[in-house]
Amino acid sequence: MVAQAGAALSTEALPDYLRRALLDALDEIEALETKAEHLRTELKDLARAMPEATALLSVPDVGVLTATALVAFVGDIHRFRSGRDFAAYLGLTPREHSSGPSRRLGRITKRGNSYLRMMLIHGARSALRAGSVVEVPDDLRTWALDIARRKGFNVAAVALANKLARVCWRVWRDQRPFERREAA
């Protein structure tokens, strides 16, 4: 991409001072892309070296960034009694406004690390988009697509992020990879 842009700048239509400035900017972009690729490789190597991150990578739509960030931020997963406690720690559970027999659930609490919550929600958005394209989505995406039809895309994305957090808790706690099931 950078080489193509450099070739486009070689035309005589640009003044010399602008061409030099743009070529310097292109060199800087190329250096940053090289550095970013090197960091991606290091992060993948780090994830492979950590058994917790390797287990988390088996969860659908949890990538290297999310897995390593979860391991780094959370530390010991055994301090959470359940997947719901883990999802609540990340701020992915609804706030409850209940009195007596009536139970009303509100927006998510947004407590915990906003970066991890963002990564899980983006992974859930990706899963929803992929689930709407494939012919036979797995059971997790089928469940989320049903919520999206009833409640809307964003609500479904957050609900799926909550579910992904719970799945991550189970996979991490048991140190067993996620097993995908096809929808019936």
Protein backbone atom coordinates (compact mmCIF):
# COMPACT_ATOMS: atom_id res chain seq x y z
CA MET A 1 0.00 0.00 0.00
CA VAL A 2 2.75 2.43 0.94
CA ALA A 3 4.69 1.58 -2.24
CA GLN A 4 1.62 2.30 -4.36
CA ALA A 5 1.15 5.64 -2.64
CA GLY A 6 4.85 6.45 -3.20
CA ALA A 7 4.48 5.70 -6.91
CA ALA A 8 1.43 7.98 -7.08
CA LEU A 9 3.47 10.80 -5.52
CA SER A 10 6.09 10.64 -8.27
CA THR A 11 3.85 12.54 -10.67
CA GLU A 12 4.71 16.09 -11.63
CA ALA A 13 1.34 17.40 -10.40
CA LEU A 14 2.66 17.89 -6.84
CA PRO A 15 5.06 20.65 -5.77
CA ASP A 16 8.45 19.39 -4.50
CA TYR A 17 8.00 20.55 -0.90
CA LEU A 18 4.65 18.73 -0.63
CA ARG A 19 6.01 15.58 -2.30
CA ARG A 20 8.96 15.46 0.16
CA ALA A 21 6.64 15.94 3.14
CA LEU A 22 4.29 13.21 1.94
CA LEU A 23 7.16 10.80 1.22
CA ASP A 24 8.48 11.41 4.76
CA ALA A 25 5.01 10.70 6.13
CA LEU A 26 4.82 7.49 4.07
CA ASP A 27 8.21 6.37 5.41
CA GLU A 28 6.97 7.00 8.94
CA ILE A 29 3.77 5.01 8.29
CA GLU A 30 5.80 2.12 6.88
CA ALA A 31 8.04 2.12 9.97
CA LEU A 32 4.99 2.12 12.25
CA GLU A 33 3.39 -0.75 10.31
CA THR A 34 6.59 -2.77 10.67
CA LYS A 35 6.71 -2.06 14.40
CA ALA A 36 3.02 -2.97 14.81
CA GLU A 37 3.55 -6.27 12.99
CA HIS A 38 6.53 -7.03 15.25
CA LEU A 39 4.40 -6.31 18.34
CA ARG A 40 1.59 -8.54 17.02
CA THR A 41 4.08 -11.38 16.59
CA GLU A 42 5.45 -10.89 20.11
CA LEU A 43 1.92 -10.85 21.54
CA LYS A 44 1.04 -14.09 19.73
CA ASP A 45 4.22 -15.71 21.09
CA LEU A 46 3.34 -14.48 24.59
CA ALA A 47 -0.19 -15.90 24.30
CA ARG A 48 1.20 -19.27 23.21
CA ALA A 49 3.51 -19.32 26.22
CA MET A 50 0.65 -18.70 28.69
CA PRO A 51 -1.65 -21.72 29.16
CA GLU A 52 -4.50 -19.49 30.40
CA ALA A 53 -4.39 -17.35 27.26
CA THR A 54 -4.13 -20.44 25.05
CA ALA A 55 -7.32 -21.83 26.63
CA LEU A 56 -9.10 -18.49 26.19
CA LEU A 57 -8.15 -18.38 22.50
CA SER A 58 -10.41 -21.40 21.95
CA VAL A 59 -13.47 -19.30 22.84
CA PRO A 60 -15.19 -17.93 19.73
CA ASP A 61 -14.43 -14.28 18.98
CA VAL A 62 -11.81 -13.99 21.71
CA GLY A 63 -8.58 -12.99 20.04
CA VAL A 64 -5.00 -12.58 21.18
CA LEU A 65 -5.54 -9.05 22.49
CA THR A 66 -8.60 -10.00 24.54
CA ALA A 67 -7.09 -13.21 25.91
CA THR A 68 -3.82 -11.63 27.01
CA ALA A 69 -5.60 -8.58 28.43
CA LEU A 70 -7.95 -10.80 30.46
CA VAL A 71 -5.06 -12.81 31.89
CA ALA A 72 -3.07 -9.67 32.70
CA PHE A 73 -5.94 -7.78 34.32
CA VAL A 74 -7.76 -10.54 36.18
CA GLY A 75 -4.86 -12.60 37.50
CA ASP A 76 -6.35 -15.50 39.47
CA ILE A 77 -9.67 -16.65 38.01
CA HIS A 78 -10.42 -18.81 41.06
CA ARG A 79 -11.35 -15.74 43.09
CA PHE A 80 -14.68 -15.67 41.22
CA ARG A 81 -17.31 -18.16 42.41
CA SER A 82 -19.24 -18.16 39.15
CA GLY A 83 -19.27 -16.86 35.61
CA ARG A 84 -21.90 -14.33 36.67
CA ASP A 85 -19.54 -12.93 39.30
CA PHE A 86 -16.84 -12.67 36.64
CA ALA A 87 -19.19 -10.91 34.19
CA ALA A 88 -20.28 -8.54 36.98
CA TYR A 89 -16.63 -7.80 37.76
CA LEU A 90 -16.20 -6.76 34.12
CA GLY A 91 -19.34 -4.60 34.25
CA LEU A 92 -21.38 -6.70 31.83
CA THR A 93 -24.38 -7.51 34.04
CA PRO A 94 -27.55 -5.42 34.13
CA ARG A 95 -28.22 -3.08 37.01
CA GLU A 96 -31.19 -4.30 39.01
CA HIS A 97 -34.04 -2.06 40.21
CA SER A 98 -36.27 -4.47 42.07
CA SER A 99 -38.77 -4.24 44.86
CA GLY A 100 -40.75 -7.11 46.27
CA PRO A 101 -41.94 -9.50 43.59
CA SER A 102 -41.25 -7.15 40.67
CA ARG A 103 -37.83 -7.51 39.11
CA ARG A 104 -36.63 -4.83 36.69
CA LEU A 105 -33.27 -5.03 34.98
CA GLY A 106 -31.68 -1.88 33.62
CA ARG A 107 -28.54 -0.97 31.71
CA ILE A 108 -25.21 -2.69 32.31
CA THR A 109 -23.28 -1.48 35.34
CA LYS A 110 -20.12 -0.53 33.39
CA ARG A 111 -17.97 -1.26 36.41
CA GLY A 112 -14.60 -2.87 36.00
CA ASN A 113 -12.07 -2.41 33.25
CA SER A 114 -13.57 -0.52 30.31
CA TYR A 115 -10.90 -1.85 27.90
CA LEU A 116 -11.78 -5.48 28.61
CA ARG A 117 -15.49 -4.72 28.37
CA MET A 118 -14.91 -2.96 25.03
CA MET A 119 -12.87 -5.90 23.70
CA LEU A 120 -15.55 -8.43 24.66
CA ILE A 121 -18.33 -6.30 23.17
CA HIS A 122 -16.38 -5.85 19.92
CA GLY A 123 -15.82 -9.61 19.79
CA ALA A 124 -19.56 -10.10 20.31
CA ARG A 125 -20.35 -7.62 17.52
CA SER A 126 -18.03 -9.60 15.26
CA ALA A 127 -19.78 -12.83 16.22
CA LEU A 128 -23.19 -11.34 15.45
CA ARG A 129 -22.06 -10.12 12.04
CA ALA A 130 -20.47 -13.49 11.24
CA GLY A 131 -23.52 -15.35 12.54
CA SER A 132 -25.83 -13.46 10.22
CA VAL A 133 -23.70 -14.38 7.18
CA VAL A 134 -23.08 -18.11 7.66
CA GLU A 135 -25.71 -20.64 6.65
CA VAL A 136 -25.74 -22.63 9.90
CA PRO A 137 -24.47 -20.60 12.88
CA ASP A 138 -23.42 -22.37 16.07
CA ASP A 139 -25.72 -22.39 19.11
CA LEU A 140 -24.10 -19.34 20.74
CA ARG A 141 -24.58 -17.17 17.66
CA THR A 142 -28.08 -18.53 17.09
CA TRP A 143 -29.01 -17.46 20.62
CA ALA A 144 -27.51 -13.99 20.06
CA LEU A 145 -29.19 -13.55 16.67
CA ASP A 146 -32.54 -14.37 18.27
CA ILE A 147 -31.96 -11.63 20.86
CA ALA A 148 -30.93 -9.23 18.08
CA ARG A 149 -34.22 -9.85 16.27
CA ARG A 150 -36.23 -9.23 19.45
CA LYS A 151 -34.29 -6.47 21.21
CA GLY A 152 -31.87 -4.93 18.72
CA PHE A 153 -28.27 -5.36 17.66
CA ASN A 154 -26.55 -3.45 20.49
CA VAL A 155 -28.51 -5.18 23.26
CA ALA A 156 -27.67 -8.53 21.65
CA ALA A 157 -23.99 -7.59 21.40
CA VAL A 158 -23.80 -6.76 25.12
CA ALA A 159 -25.77 -9.91 26.02
CA LEU A 160 -23.37 -11.99 23.93
CA ALA A 161 -20.39 -10.23 25.54
CA ASN A 162 -21.82 -11.20 28.93
CA LYS A 163 -22.17 -14.79 27.73
CA LEU A 164 -18.61 -14.74 26.31
CA ALA A 165 -17.30 -13.52 29.68
CA ARG A 166 -19.06 -16.43 31.39
CA VAL A 167 -17.69 -18.89 28.84
CA CYS A 168 -14.20 -17.41 29.31
CA TRP A 169 -14.53 -17.90 33.07
CA ARG A 170 -15.45 -21.57 32.64
CA VAL A 171 -12.76 -22.30 30.04
CA TRP A 172 -10.12 -20.52 32.11
CA ARG A 173 -11.14 -22.10 35.40
CA ASP A 174 -11.29 -25.65 34.01
CA GLN A 175 -8.27 -25.17 31.67
CA ARG A 176 -10.24 -26.97 28.97
CA PRO A 177 -10.73 -25.58 25.46
CA PHE A 178 -14.15 -24.41 24.34
CA GLU A 179 -16.13 -27.04 22.45
CA ARG A 180 -18.32 -25.65 19.69
CA ARG A 181 -21.75 -27.19 19.13
CA GLU A 182 -23.82 -26.76 16.01
CA ALA A 183 -27.34 -25.37 16.44
CA ALA A 184 -30.10 -27.97 16.29
